[in-house]
PDB file of N, CA and C in Angstrom:
ATOM      1  N   MET A   1      -7.924 -16.367  -2.062  1.00  0.00           N
ATOM      2  CA  MET A   1      -7.639 -15.433  -3.136  1.00  0.00           C
ATOM      3  C   MET A   1      -8.145 -14.041  -2.743  1.00  0.00           C
ATOM      4  N   VAL A   2      -7.266 -13.071  -2.820  1.00  0.00           N
ATOM      5  CA  VAL A   2      -7.604 -11.696  -2.457  1.00  0.00           C
ATOM      6  C   VAL A   2      -7.986 -10.944  -3.722  1.00  0.00           C
ATOM      7  N   LYS A   3      -9.128 -10.267  -3.678  1.00  0.00           N
ATOM      8  CA  LYS A   3      -9.556  -9.462  -4.821  1.00  0.00           C
ATOM      9  C   LYS A   3      -9.177  -8.012  -4.578  1.00  0.00           C
ATOM     10  N   LEU A   4      -8.398  -7.451  -5.512  1.00  0.00           N
ATOM     11  CA  LEU A   4      -7.948  -6.068  -5.391  1.00  0.00           C
ATOM     12  C   LEU A   4      -8.382  -5.275  -6.614  1.00  0.00           C
ATOM     13  N   SER A   5      -8.609  -3.983  -6.405  1.00  0.00           N
ATOM     14  CA  SER A   5      -8.909  -3.087  -7.517  1.00  0.00           C
ATOM     15  C   SER A   5      -7.623  -2.809  -8.294  1.00  0.00           C
ATOM     16  N   GLU A   6      -7.752  -2.214  -9.453  1.00  0.00           N
ATOM     17  CA  GLU A   6      -6.573  -1.862 -10.257  1.00  0.00           C
ATOM     18  C   GLU A   6      -5.635  -0.939  -9.476  1.00  0.00           C
ATOM     19  N   ALA A   7      -6.192   0.024  -8.767  1.00  0.00           N
ATOM     20  CA  ALA A   7      -5.381   0.944  -7.975  1.00  0.00           C
ATOM     21  C   ALA A   7      -4.673   0.209  -6.838  1.00  0.00           C
ATOM     22  N   GLU A   8      -5.375  -0.706  -6.187  1.00  0.00           N
ATOM     23  CA  GLU A   8      -4.761  -1.467  -5.108  1.00  0.00           C
ATOM     24  C   GLU A   8      -3.623  -2.339  -5.631  1.00  0.00           C
ATOM     25  N   TRP A   9      -3.751  -2.851  -6.852  1.00  0.00           N
ATOM     26  CA  TRP A   9      -2.665  -3.630  -7.455  1.00  0.00           C
ATOM     27  C   TRP A   9      -1.421  -2.771  -7.638  1.00  0.00           C
ATOM     28  N   LYS A  10      -1.605  -1.508  -7.982  1.00  0.00           N
ATOM     29  CA  LYS A  10      -0.453  -0.604  -8.130  1.00  0.00           C
ATOM     30  C   LYS A  10       0.299  -0.490  -6.806  1.00  0.00           C
ATOM     31  N   VAL A  11      -0.454  -0.348  -5.734  1.00  0.00           N
ATOM     32  CA  VAL A  11       0.163  -0.246  -4.408  1.00  0.00           C
ATOM     33  C   VAL A  11       0.858  -1.558  -4.048  1.00  0.00           C
ATOM     34  N   MET A  12       0.202  -2.690  -4.332  1.00  0.00           N
ATOM     35  CA  MET A  12       0.815  -3.992  -4.032  1.00  0.00           C
ATOM     36  C   MET A  12       2.124  -4.149  -4.776  1.00  0.00           C
ATOM     37  N   ASN A  13       2.141  -3.802  -6.050  1.00  0.00           N
ATOM     38  CA  ASN A  13       3.369  -3.939  -6.837  1.00  0.00           C
ATOM     39  C   ASN A  13       4.502  -3.098  -6.261  1.00  0.00           C
ATOM     40  N   LEU A  14       4.182  -1.897  -5.803  1.00  0.00           N
ATOM     41  CA  LEU A  14       5.201  -1.060  -5.168  1.00  0.00           C
ATOM     42  C   LEU A  14       5.728  -1.729  -3.892  1.00  0.00           C
ATOM     43  N   LEU A  15       4.821  -2.250  -3.069  1.00  0.00           N
ATOM     44  CA  LEU A  15       5.248  -2.885  -1.822  1.00  0.00           C
ATOM     45  C   LEU A  15       6.064  -4.146  -2.092  1.00  0.00           C
ATOM     46  N   TRP A  16       5.727  -4.891  -3.123  1.00  0.00           N
ATOM     47  CA  TRP A  16       6.524  -6.067  -3.462  1.00  0.00           C
ATOM     48  C   TRP A  16       7.930  -5.664  -3.903  1.00  0.00           C
ATOM     49  N   GLN A  17       8.041  -4.526  -4.564  1.00  0.00           N
ATOM     50  CA  GLN A  17       9.344  -4.060  -5.044  1.00  0.00           C
ATOM     51  C   GLN A  17      10.182  -3.453  -3.922  1.00  0.00           C
ATOM     52  N   ALA A  18       9.540  -2.712  -3.022  1.00  0.00           N
ATOM     53  CA  ALA A  18      10.297  -1.948  -2.022  1.00  0.00           C
ATOM     54  C   ALA A  18       9.512  -1.789  -0.728  1.00  0.00           C
ATOM     55  N   ALA A  19       9.494  -2.815   0.072  1.00  0.00           N
ATOM     56  CA  ALA A  19       8.822  -2.722   1.368  1.00  0.00           C
ATOM     57  C   ALA A  19       9.897  -2.644   2.449  1.00  0.00           C
ATOM     58  N   PRO A  20       9.620  -1.962   3.541  1.00  0.00           N
ATOM     59  CA  PRO A  20       8.362  -1.310   3.868  1.00  0.00           C
ATOM     60  C   PRO A  20       8.290   0.094   3.272  1.00  0.00           C
ATOM     61  N   GLN A  21       7.082   0.602   3.229  1.00  0.00           N
ATOM     62  CA  GLN A  21       6.819   1.960   2.763  1.00  0.00           C
ATOM     63  C   GLN A  21       5.858   2.623   3.744  1.00  0.00           C
ATOM     64  N   THR A  22       6.038   3.910   3.955  1.00  0.00           N
ATOM     65  CA  THR A  22       5.060   4.670   4.742  1.00  0.00           C
ATOM     66  C   THR A  22       3.964   5.145   3.802  1.00  0.00           C
ATOM     67  N   MET A  23       2.868   5.587   4.388  1.00  0.00           N
ATOM     68  CA  MET A  23       1.767   6.106   3.584  1.00  0.00           C
ATOM     69  C   MET A  23       2.236   7.296   2.744  1.00  0.00           C
ATOM     70  N   MET A  24       3.082   8.154   3.307  1.00  0.00           N
ATOM     71  CA  MET A  24       3.569   9.320   2.558  1.00  0.00           C
ATOM     72  C   MET A  24       4.537   8.912   1.445  1.00  0.00           C
ATOM     73  N   GLN A  25       5.346   7.889   1.669  1.00  0.00           N
ATOM     74  CA  GLN A  25       6.228   7.412   0.600  1.00  0.00           C
ATOM     75  C   GLN A  25       5.405   6.878  -0.565  1.00  0.00           C
ATOM     76  N   ILE A  26       4.353   6.146  -0.256  1.00  0.00           N
ATOM     77  CA  ILE A  26       3.479   5.627  -1.313  1.00  0.00           C
ATOM     78  C   ILE A  26       2.804   6.781  -2.041  1.00  0.00           C
ATOM     79  N   THR A  27       2.294   7.745  -1.285  1.00  0.00           N
ATOM     80  CA  THR A  27       1.638   8.909  -1.885  1.00  0.00           C
ATOM     81  C   THR A  27       2.599   9.649  -2.803  1.00  0.00           C
ATOM     82  N   ASN A  28       3.816   9.901  -2.336  1.00  0.00           N
ATOM     83  CA  ASN A  28       4.801  10.622  -3.147  1.00  0.00           C
ATOM     84  C   ASN A  28       5.189   9.843  -4.392  1.00  0.00           C
ATOM     85  N   HIS A  29       5.248   8.523  -4.286  1.00  0.00           N
ATOM     86  CA  HIS A  29       5.598   7.692  -5.439  1.00  0.00           C
ATOM     87  C   HIS A  29       4.566   7.835  -6.564  1.00  0.00           C
ATOM     88  N   PHE A  30       3.294   7.901  -6.200  1.00  0.00           N
ATOM     89  CA  PHE A  30       2.222   7.929  -7.199  1.00  0.00           C
ATOM     90  C   PHE A  30       1.682   9.326  -7.506  1.00  0.00           C
ATOM     91  N   LYS A  31       2.147  10.340  -6.796  1.00  0.00           N
ATOM     92  CA  LYS A  31       1.592  11.694  -6.915  1.00  0.00           C
ATOM     93  C   LYS A  31       1.556  12.197  -8.356  1.00  0.00           C
ATOM     94  N   GLU A  32       2.657  12.058  -9.063  1.00  0.00           N
ATOM     95  CA  GLU A  32       2.759  12.592 -10.433  1.00  0.00           C
ATOM     96  C   GLU A  32       1.872  11.845 -11.424  1.00  0.00           C
ATOM     97  N   THR A  33       1.817  10.531 -11.312  1.00  0.00           N
ATOM     98  CA  THR A  33       1.103   9.738 -12.321  1.00  0.00           C
ATOM     99  C   THR A  33      -0.377   9.569 -12.030  1.00  0.00           C
ATOM    100  N   THR A  34      -0.776   9.642 -10.765  1.00  0.00           N
ATOM    101  CA  THR A  34      -2.179   9.365 -10.431  1.00  0.00           C
ATOM    102  C   THR A  34      -2.912  10.530  -9.788  1.00  0.00           C
ATOM    103  N   ARG A  35      -2.155  11.478  -9.225  1.00  0.00           N
ATOM    104  CA  ARG A  35      -2.728  12.599  -8.471  1.00  0.00           C
ATOM    105  C   ARG A  35      -3.456  12.147  -7.203  1.00  0.00           C
ATOM    106  N   TRP A  36      -3.077  10.958  -6.686  1.00  0.00           N
ATOM    107  CA  TRP A  36      -3.675  10.487  -5.437  1.00  0.00           C
ATOM    108  C   TRP A  36      -3.216  11.364  -4.290  1.00  0.00           C
ATOM    109  N   THR A  37      -4.136  11.693  -3.402  1.00  0.00           N
ATOM    110  CA  THR A  37      -3.800  12.425  -2.185  1.00  0.00           C
ATOM    111  C   THR A  37      -3.476  11.422  -1.077  1.00  0.00           C
ATOM    112  N   LYS A  38      -2.983  11.934   0.041  1.00  0.00           N
ATOM    113  CA  LYS A  38      -2.688  11.030   1.153  1.00  0.00           C
ATOM    114  C   LYS A  38      -3.953  10.364   1.671  1.00  0.00           C
ATOM    115  N   HIS A  39      -5.088  11.049   1.560  1.00  0.00           N
ATOM    116  CA  HIS A  39      -6.357  10.467   2.008  1.00  0.00           C
ATOM    117  C   HIS A  39      -6.774   9.300   1.121  1.00  0.00           C
ATOM    118  N   THR A  40      -6.525   9.422  -0.164  1.00  0.00           N
ATOM    119  CA  THR A  40      -6.824   8.337  -1.101  1.00  0.00           C
ATOM    120  C   THR A  40      -5.966   7.124  -0.782  1.00  0.00           C
ATOM    121  N   VAL A  41      -4.678   7.336  -0.598  1.00  0.00           N
ATOM    122  CA  VAL A  41      -3.760   6.232  -0.285  1.00  0.00           C
ATOM    123  C   VAL A  41      -4.131   5.616   1.055  1.00  0.00           C
ATOM    124  N   MET A  42      -4.507   6.436   2.027  1.00  0.00           N
ATOM    125  CA  MET A  42      -4.917   5.931   3.332  1.00  0.00           C
ATOM    126  C   MET A  42      -6.123   4.999   3.185  1.00  0.00           C
ATOM    127  N   THR A  43      -7.069   5.378   2.339  1.00  0.00           N
ATOM    128  CA  THR A  43      -8.252   4.547   2.098  1.00  0.00           C
ATOM    129  C   THR A  43      -7.856   3.226   1.450  1.00  0.00           C
ATOM    130  N   PHE A  44      -6.983   3.287   0.432  1.00  0.00           N
ATOM    131  CA  PHE A  44      -6.513   2.049  -0.208  1.00  0.00           C
ATOM    132  C   PHE A  44      -5.869   1.127   0.818  1.00  0.00           C
ATOM    133  N   LEU A  45      -4.976   1.667   1.636  1.00  0.00           N
ATOM    134  CA  LEU A  45      -4.248   0.852   2.597  1.00  0.00           C
ATOM    135  C   LEU A  45      -5.193   0.240   3.634  1.00  0.00           C
ATOM    136  N   ARG A  46      -6.170   1.005   4.066  1.00  0.00           N
ATOM    137  CA  ARG A  46      -7.149   0.482   5.038  1.00  0.00           C
ATOM    138  C   ARG A  46      -7.923  -0.678   4.421  1.00  0.00           C
ATOM    139  N   ARG A  47      -8.410  -0.491   3.194  1.00  0.00           N
ATOM    140  CA  ARG A  47      -9.148  -1.557   2.510  1.00  0.00           C
ATOM    141  C   ARG A  47      -8.279  -2.785   2.282  1.00  0.00           C
ATOM    142  N   MET A  48      -7.036  -2.555   1.895  1.00  0.00           N
ATOM    143  CA  MET A  48      -6.125  -3.668   1.628  1.00  0.00           C
ATOM    144  C   MET A  48      -5.806  -4.439   2.913  1.00  0.00           C
ATOM    145  N   GLU A  49      -5.723  -3.728   4.032  1.00  0.00           N
ATOM    146  CA  GLU A  49      -5.522  -4.412   5.313  1.00  0.00           C
ATOM    147  C   GLU A  49      -6.746  -5.255   5.663  1.00  0.00           C
ATOM    148  N   GLU A  50      -7.934  -4.705   5.432  1.00  0.00           N
ATOM    149  CA  GLU A  50      -9.170  -5.445   5.706  1.00  0.00           C
ATOM    150  C   GLU A  50      -9.244  -6.710   4.859  1.00  0.00           C
ATOM    151  N   LYS A  51      -8.710  -6.659   3.646  1.00  0.00           N
ATOM    152  CA  LYS A  51      -8.709  -7.818   2.746  1.00  0.00           C
ATOM    153  C   LYS A  51      -7.571  -8.793   3.051  1.00  0.00           C
ATOM    154  N   GLY A  52      -6.657  -8.389   3.924  1.00  0.00           N
ATOM    155  CA  GLY A  52      -5.536  -9.244   4.280  1.00  0.00           C
ATOM    156  C   GLY A  52      -4.366  -9.167   3.322  1.00  0.00           C
ATOM    157  N   ALA A  53      -4.356  -8.175   2.428  1.00  0.00           N
ATOM    158  CA  ALA A  53      -3.294  -8.059   1.429  1.00  0.00           C
ATOM    159  C   ALA A  53      -2.046  -7.378   1.974  1.00  0.00           C
ATOM    160  N   VAL A  54      -2.217  -6.448   2.903  1.00  0.00           N
ATOM    161  CA  VAL A  54      -1.077  -5.749   3.497  1.00  0.00           C
ATOM    162  C   VAL A  54      -1.226  -5.743   5.018  1.00  0.00           C
ATOM    163  N   ARG A  55      -0.117  -5.453   5.670  1.00  0.00           N
ATOM    164  CA  ARG A  55      -0.121  -5.298   7.122  1.00  0.00           C
ATOM    165  C   ARG A  55       0.774  -4.111   7.450  1.00  0.00           C
ATOM    166  N   HIS A  56       0.615  -3.598   8.638  1.00  0.00           N
ATOM    167  CA  HIS A  56       1.502  -2.498   9.042  1.00  0.00           C
ATOM    168  C   HIS A  56       2.114  -2.779  10.402  1.00  0.00           C
ATOM    169  N   GLU A  57       3.233  -2.123  10.633  1.00  0.00           N
ATOM    170  CA  GLU A  57       3.905  -2.124  11.928  1.00  0.00           C
ATOM    171  C   GLU A  57       4.144  -0.674  12.290  1.00  0.00           C
ATOM    172  N   GLU A  58       4.103  -0.397  13.579  1.00  0.00           N
ATOM    173  CA  GLU A  58       4.409   0.957  14.028  1.00  0.00           C
ATOM    174  C   GLU A  58       5.893   1.193  13.806  1.00  0.00           C
ATOM    175  N   GLY A  59       6.225   2.315  13.174  1.00  0.00           N
ATOM    176  CA  GLY A  59       7.624   2.586  12.861  1.00  0.00           C
ATOM    177  C   GLY A  59       8.038   3.983  13.250  1.00  0.00           C
ATOM    178  N   GLY A  60       8.058   4.264  14.534  1.00  0.00           N
ATOM    179  CA  GLY A  60       8.445   5.603  14.968  1.00  0.00           C
ATOM    180  C   GLY A  60       7.307   6.571  14.747  1.00  0.00           C
ATOM    181  N   ARG A  61       7.475   7.493  13.809  1.00  0.00           N
ATOM    182  CA  ARG A  61       6.450   8.515  13.567  1.00  0.00           C
ATOM    183  C   ARG A  61       5.385   8.056  12.584  1.00  0.00           C
ATOM    184  N   ALA A  62       5.671   7.023  11.794  1.00  0.00           N
ATOM    185  CA  ALA A  62       4.726   6.607  10.762  1.00  0.00           C
ATOM    186  C   ALA A  62       4.611   5.090  10.716  1.00  0.00           C
ATOM    187  N   LYS A  63       3.436   4.613  10.314  1.00  0.00           N
ATOM    188  CA  LYS A  63       3.242   3.182  10.127  1.00  0.00           C
ATOM    189  C   LYS A  63       4.048   2.719   8.922  1.00  0.00           C
ATOM    190  N   LEU A  64       4.597   1.524   9.023  1.00  0.00           N
ATOM    191  CA  LEU A  64       5.333   0.917   7.923  1.00  0.00           C
ATOM    192  C   LEU A  64       4.470  -0.187   7.338  1.00  0.00           C
ATOM    193  N   TYR A  65       4.224  -0.107   6.027  1.00  0.00           N
ATOM    194  CA  TYR A  65       3.349  -1.070   5.359  1.00  0.00           C
ATOM    195  C   TYR A  65       4.163  -2.115   4.615  1.00  0.00           C
ATOM    196  N   TYR A  66       3.708  -3.365   4.751  1.00  0.00           N
ATOM    197  CA  TYR A  66       4.351  -4.522   4.131  1.00  0.00           C
ATOM    198  C   TYR A  66       3.305  -5.326   3.364  1.00  0.00           C
ATOM    199  N   PRO A  67       3.713  -6.010   2.305  1.00  0.00           N
ATOM    200  CA  PRO A  67       2.764  -6.936   1.675  1.00  0.00           C
ATOM    201  C   PRO A  67       2.515  -8.100   2.628  1.00  0.00           C
ATOM    202  N   ASN A  68       1.296  -8.564   2.672  1.00  0.00           N
ATOM    203  CA  ASN A  68       0.936  -9.685   3.542  1.00  0.00           C
ATOM    204  C   ASN A  68       0.724 -10.959   2.724  1.00  0.00           C
ATOM    205  N   ILE A  69       0.828 -10.836   1.414  1.00  0.00           N
ATOM    206  CA  ILE A  69       0.739 -11.990   0.518  1.00  0.00           C
ATOM    207  C   ILE A  69       1.955 -11.976  -0.391  1.00  0.00           C
ATOM    208  N   ARG A  70       2.355 -13.157  -0.816  1.00  0.00           N
ATOM    209  CA  ARG A  70       3.506 -13.237  -1.716  1.00  0.00           C
ATOM    210  C   ARG A  70       3.073 -12.910  -3.144  1.00  0.00           C
ATOM    211  N   GLN A  71       3.977 -12.387  -3.917  1.00  0.00           N
ATOM    212  CA  GLN A  71       3.696 -12.001  -5.298  1.00  0.00           C
ATOM    213  C   GLN A  71       3.277 -13.219  -6.115  1.00  0.00           C
ATOM    214  N   GLU A  72       3.812 -14.400  -5.808  1.00  0.00           N
ATOM    215  CA  GLU A  72       3.490 -15.611  -6.548  1.00  0.00           C
ATOM    216  C   GLU A  72       2.025 -16.002  -6.376  1.00  0.00           C
ATOM    217  N   GLU A  73       1.428 -15.581  -5.252  1.00  0.00           N
ATOM    218  CA  GLU A  73       0.037 -15.923  -4.997  1.00  0.00           C
ATOM    219  C   GLU A  73      -0.871 -15.120  -5.888  1.00  0.00           C
TER     220      GLU A  73
END
């Protein structure tokens, strides 16, 4: 069982809906409602990778982030 913060759950829900996403796509998605900066999103993604919730692949100029757990879990 992966423990995520409320903010990390927001990111997970976005990735479950529309993966893959770059860090900037995630930042732009939440910019208006949360005022998260790219540094904030970068921190969330790093923590979520450490927890095993997301993974990334190199995608040209930017990393592509995918959920690493199924929504049913």
